[in-house]
Amino acid sequence: MMHEYITRPFFQVIVFTLLSIVILPIARPKDANSVYTIAGIVYAVFIVVNSIIICFVPKMWPYFFYSMLFSIVYVLATAVIMSLYIDITKTEGSGETAMIFLIIMYHPLASLLVIFLKWAYLKIF
């Protein structure tokens, strides 16, 4: 039962979004750049987890495309949440420093690499 939820990109996005929200008060970032860096690191962990789970789903390609869609949803939701956090806590800085999210381009590459490795493994063995 839990396995079904873990393999759904929608639930992964919810878990990692909540994780981002929980980590911020604990980390107490000093400026807006740190807020976005924390969110970016959580997003990078989301990419790794999402790419690893692709090995265990029966239908890789639908999972891949749903993952890309929800990855964009995650980045948009995080942008809104981080901006609100910066406004609410009156964190110093412009609040426009989201360069860390350039790692979004690595999500399709990581997932495709895992798909290739799974395919190669199944062909060899």
C-alpha atoms as a PDB file:
ATOM      1  CA  MET A   1       0.000   0.000   0.000  1.00  0.00           C
ATOM      2  CA  MET A   2       2.702   2.521   0.989  1.00  0.00           C
ATOM      3  CA  HIS A   3       4.714   1.405  -2.040  1.00  0.00           C
ATOM      4  CA  GLU A   4       1.982   2.789  -4.311  1.00  0.00           C
ATOM      5  CA  TYR A   5       2.234   6.240  -2.772  1.00  0.00           C
ATOM      6  CA  ILE A   6       6.023   6.362  -2.856  1.00  0.00           C
ATOM      7  CA  THR A   7       6.093   5.598  -6.577  1.00  0.00           C
ATOM      8  CA  ARG A   8       3.707   8.436  -7.476  1.00  0.00           C
ATOM      9  CA  PRO A   9       5.444  11.695  -8.417  1.00  0.00           C
ATOM     10  CA  PHE A  10       2.518  13.719  -7.033  1.00  0.00           C
ATOM     11  CA  PHE A  11       3.049  12.351  -3.519  1.00  0.00           C
ATOM     12  CA  GLN A  12       6.807  12.793  -3.821  1.00  0.00           C
ATOM     13  CA  VAL A  13       6.238  16.474  -4.584  1.00  0.00           C
ATOM     14  CA  ILE A  14       3.960  16.838  -1.571  1.00  0.00           C
ATOM     15  CA  VAL A  15       6.487  15.164   0.738  1.00  0.00           C
ATOM     16  CA  PHE A  16       9.431  17.239  -0.496  1.00  0.00           C
ATOM     17  CA  THR A  17       7.440  20.478  -0.447  1.00  0.00           C
ATOM     18  CA  LEU A  18       6.471  19.812   3.162  1.00  0.00           C
ATOM     19  CA  LEU A  19      10.087  18.900   3.898  1.00  0.00           C
ATOM     20  CA  SER A  20      11.199  22.261   2.509  1.00  0.00           C
ATOM     21  CA  ILE A  21       8.693  24.060   4.704  1.00  0.00           C
ATOM     22  CA  VAL A  22       9.798  22.155   7.824  1.00  0.00           C
ATOM     23  CA  ILE A  23      13.523  22.634   7.213  1.00  0.00           C
ATOM     24  CA  LEU A  24      13.358  26.429   6.876  1.00  0.00           C
ATOM     25  CA  PRO A  25      12.516  27.266  10.512  1.00  0.00           C
ATOM     26  CA  ILE A  26      15.055  24.717  11.697  1.00  0.00           C
ATOM     27  CA  ALA A  27      17.858  26.053   9.465  1.00  0.00           C
ATOM     28  CA  ARG A  28      17.014  29.728  10.101  1.00  0.00           C
ATOM     29  CA  PRO A  29      18.508  31.108   6.893  1.00  0.00           C
ATOM     30  CA  LYS A  30      20.111  34.538   7.233  1.00  0.00           C
ATOM     31  CA  ASP A  31      19.228  35.905   3.791  1.00  0.00           C
ATOM     32  CA  ALA A  32      17.001  35.244   0.784  1.00  0.00           C
ATOM     33  CA  ASN A  33      19.806  33.514  -1.089  1.00  0.00           C
ATOM     34  CA  SER A  34      20.116  30.973   1.747  1.00  0.00           C
ATOM     35  CA  VAL A  35      16.358  30.361   1.656  1.00  0.00           C
ATOM     36  CA  TYR A  36      16.511  29.474  -2.019  1.00  0.00           C
ATOM     37  CA  THR A  37      19.674  27.425  -1.539  1.00  0.00           C
ATOM     38  CA  ILE A  38      17.932  25.280   1.081  1.00  0.00           C
ATOM     39  CA  ALA A  39      14.953  24.830  -1.228  1.00  0.00           C
ATOM     40  CA  GLY A  40      17.304  23.939  -4.086  1.00  0.00           C
ATOM     41  CA  ILE A  41      19.106  21.318  -2.036  1.00  0.00           C
ATOM     42  CA  VAL A  42      15.787  19.721  -1.086  1.00  0.00           C
ATOM     43  CA  TYR A  43      14.866  19.804  -4.775  1.00  0.00           C
ATOM     44  CA  ALA A  44      18.136  18.070  -5.682  1.00  0.00           C
ATOM     45  CA  VAL A  45      17.308  15.307  -3.190  1.00  0.00           C
ATOM     46  CA  PHE A  46      13.854  15.087  -4.802  1.00  0.00           C
ATOM     47  CA  ILE A  47      15.543  14.581  -8.184  1.00  0.00           C
ATOM     48  CA  VAL A  48      17.746  11.794  -6.820  1.00  0.00           C
ATOM     49  CA  VAL A  49      14.872  10.003  -5.082  1.00  0.00           C
ATOM     50  CA  ASN A  50      12.585  10.418  -8.074  1.00  0.00           C
ATOM     51  CA  SER A  51      15.254   9.091 -10.436  1.00  0.00           C
ATOM     52  CA  ILE A  52      16.016   6.070  -8.256  1.00  0.00           C
ATOM     53  CA  ILE A  53      12.356   5.128  -7.924  1.00  0.00           C
ATOM     54  CA  ILE A  54      12.094   4.912 -11.705  1.00  0.00           C
ATOM     55  CA  CYS A  55      13.884   1.557 -11.386  1.00  0.00           C
ATOM     56  CA  PHE A  56      11.002   0.108  -9.424  1.00  0.00           C
ATOM     57  CA  VAL A  57       7.961   1.262 -11.384  1.00  0.00           C
ATOM     58  CA  PRO A  58       6.396  -1.070 -13.948  1.00  0.00           C
ATOM     59  CA  LYS A  59       5.756   1.669 -16.540  1.00  0.00           C
ATOM     60  CA  MET A  60       8.865   3.795 -16.847  1.00  0.00           C
ATOM     61  CA  TRP A  61       7.830   6.239 -19.548  1.00  0.00           C
ATOM     62  CA  PRO A  62       4.564   7.422 -18.009  1.00  0.00           C
ATOM     63  CA  TYR A  63       6.432   7.791 -14.715  1.00  0.00           C
ATOM     64  CA  PHE A  64       9.162   9.787 -16.471  1.00  0.00           C
ATOM     65  CA  PHE A  65       6.722  12.243 -18.035  1.00  0.00           C
ATOM     66  CA  TYR A  66       4.657  12.610 -14.855  1.00  0.00           C
ATOM     67  CA  SER A  67       7.888  13.215 -12.969  1.00  0.00           C
ATOM     68  CA  MET A  68       8.858  16.015 -15.330  1.00  0.00           C
ATOM     69  CA  LEU A  69       5.416  17.601 -14.971  1.00  0.00           C
ATOM     70  CA  PHE A  70       5.434  17.419 -11.189  1.00  0.00           C
ATOM     71  CA  SER A  71       9.027  18.611 -11.086  1.00  0.00           C
ATOM     72  CA  ILE A  72       7.858  21.841 -12.708  1.00  0.00           C
ATOM     73  CA  VAL A  73       4.913  21.984 -10.296  1.00  0.00           C
ATOM     74  CA  TYR A  74       7.369  21.561  -7.406  1.00  0.00           C
ATOM     75  CA  VAL A  75       9.592  24.401  -8.613  1.00  0.00           C
ATOM     76  CA  LEU A  76       6.606  26.728  -9.084  1.00  0.00           C
ATOM     77  CA  ALA A  77       5.121  25.838  -5.692  1.00  0.00           C
ATOM     78  CA  THR A  78       8.496  26.260  -4.021  1.00  0.00           C
ATOM     79  CA  ALA A  79       8.996  29.662  -5.643  1.00  0.00           C
ATOM     80  CA  VAL A  80       5.689  30.840  -4.168  1.00  0.00           C
ATOM     81  CA  ILE A  81       6.337  29.284  -0.751  1.00  0.00           C
ATOM     82  CA  MET A  82       9.878  30.643  -0.502  1.00  0.00           C
ATOM     83  CA  SER A  83       8.726  34.134  -1.518  1.00  0.00           C
ATOM     84  CA  LEU A  84       6.031  34.000   1.149  1.00  0.00           C
ATOM     85  CA  TYR A  85       8.559  32.795   3.724  1.00  0.00           C
ATOM     86  CA  ILE A  86      10.909  35.651   2.826  1.00  0.00           C
ATOM     87  CA  ASP A  87       8.062  38.174   3.122  1.00  0.00           C
ATOM     88  CA  ILE A  88       6.671  36.764   6.379  1.00  0.00           C
ATOM     89  CA  THR A  89      10.021  36.500   8.128  1.00  0.00           C
ATOM     90  CA  LYS A  90      11.305  39.748   6.598  1.00  0.00           C
ATOM     91  CA  THR A  91      14.453  37.962   5.491  1.00  0.00           C
ATOM     92  CA  GLU A  92      17.070  40.300   4.040  1.00  0.00           C
ATOM     93  CA  GLY A  93      17.885  40.179   0.353  1.00  0.00           C
ATOM     94  CA  SER A  94      16.060  40.665  -2.897  1.00  0.00           C
ATOM     95  CA  GLY A  95      14.249  37.351  -2.800  1.00  0.00           C
ATOM     96  CA  GLU A  96      14.997  36.879  -6.467  1.00  0.00           C
ATOM     97  CA  THR A  97      18.012  34.611  -6.144  1.00  0.00           C
ATOM     98  CA  ALA A  98      16.837  31.276  -7.422  1.00  0.00           C
ATOM     99  CA  MET A  99      19.900  30.334  -9.469  1.00  0.00           C
ATOM    100  CA  ILE A 100      20.107  27.058  -7.554  1.00  0.00           C
ATOM    101  CA  PHE A 101      17.050  25.914  -9.480  1.00  0.00           C
ATOM    102  CA  LEU A 102      19.138  25.691 -12.628  1.00  0.00           C
ATOM    103  CA  ILE A 103      19.586  22.102 -11.466  1.00  0.00           C
ATOM    104  CA  ILE A 104      16.117  21.473 -12.928  1.00  0.00           C
ATOM    105  CA  MET A 105      17.862  20.665 -16.207  1.00  0.00           C
ATOM    106  CA  TYR A 106      19.524  17.678 -14.526  1.00  0.00           C
ATOM    107  CA  HIS A 107      16.248  15.980 -13.640  1.00  0.00           C
ATOM    108  CA  PRO A 108      15.508  14.627 -17.138  1.00  0.00           C
ATOM    109  CA  LEU A 109      19.165  13.660 -17.559  1.00  0.00           C
ATOM    110  CA  ALA A 110      19.254  11.762 -14.265  1.00  0.00           C
ATOM    111  CA  SER A 111      15.994   9.961 -15.019  1.00  0.00           C
ATOM    112  CA  LEU A 112      17.033   9.067 -18.563  1.00  0.00           C
ATOM    113  CA  LEU A 113      20.374   7.768 -17.277  1.00  0.00           C
ATOM    114  CA  VAL A 114      18.578   5.480 -14.824  1.00  0.00           C
ATOM    115  CA  ILE A 115      16.212   4.298 -17.587  1.00  0.00           C
ATOM    116  CA  PHE A 116      19.223   3.531 -19.795  1.00  0.00           C
ATOM    117  CA  LEU A 117      21.016   1.683 -17.000  1.00  0.00           C
ATOM    118  CA  LYS A 118      17.908  -0.371 -16.257  1.00  0.00           C
ATOM    119  CA  TRP A 119      17.510  -1.190 -19.952  1.00  0.00           C
ATOM    120  CA  ALA A 120      21.202  -2.134 -20.260  1.00  0.00           C
ATOM    121  CA  TYR A 121      21.007  -4.303 -17.138  1.00  0.00           C
ATOM    122  CA  LEU A 122      17.930  -6.139 -18.458  1.00  0.00           C
ATOM    123  CA  LYS A 123      19.591  -6.670 -21.858  1.00  0.00           C
ATOM    124  CA  ILE A 124      22.792  -8.046 -20.366  1.00  0.00           C
ATOM    125  CA  PHE A 125      21.209 -10.204 -17.681  1.00  0.00           C
END
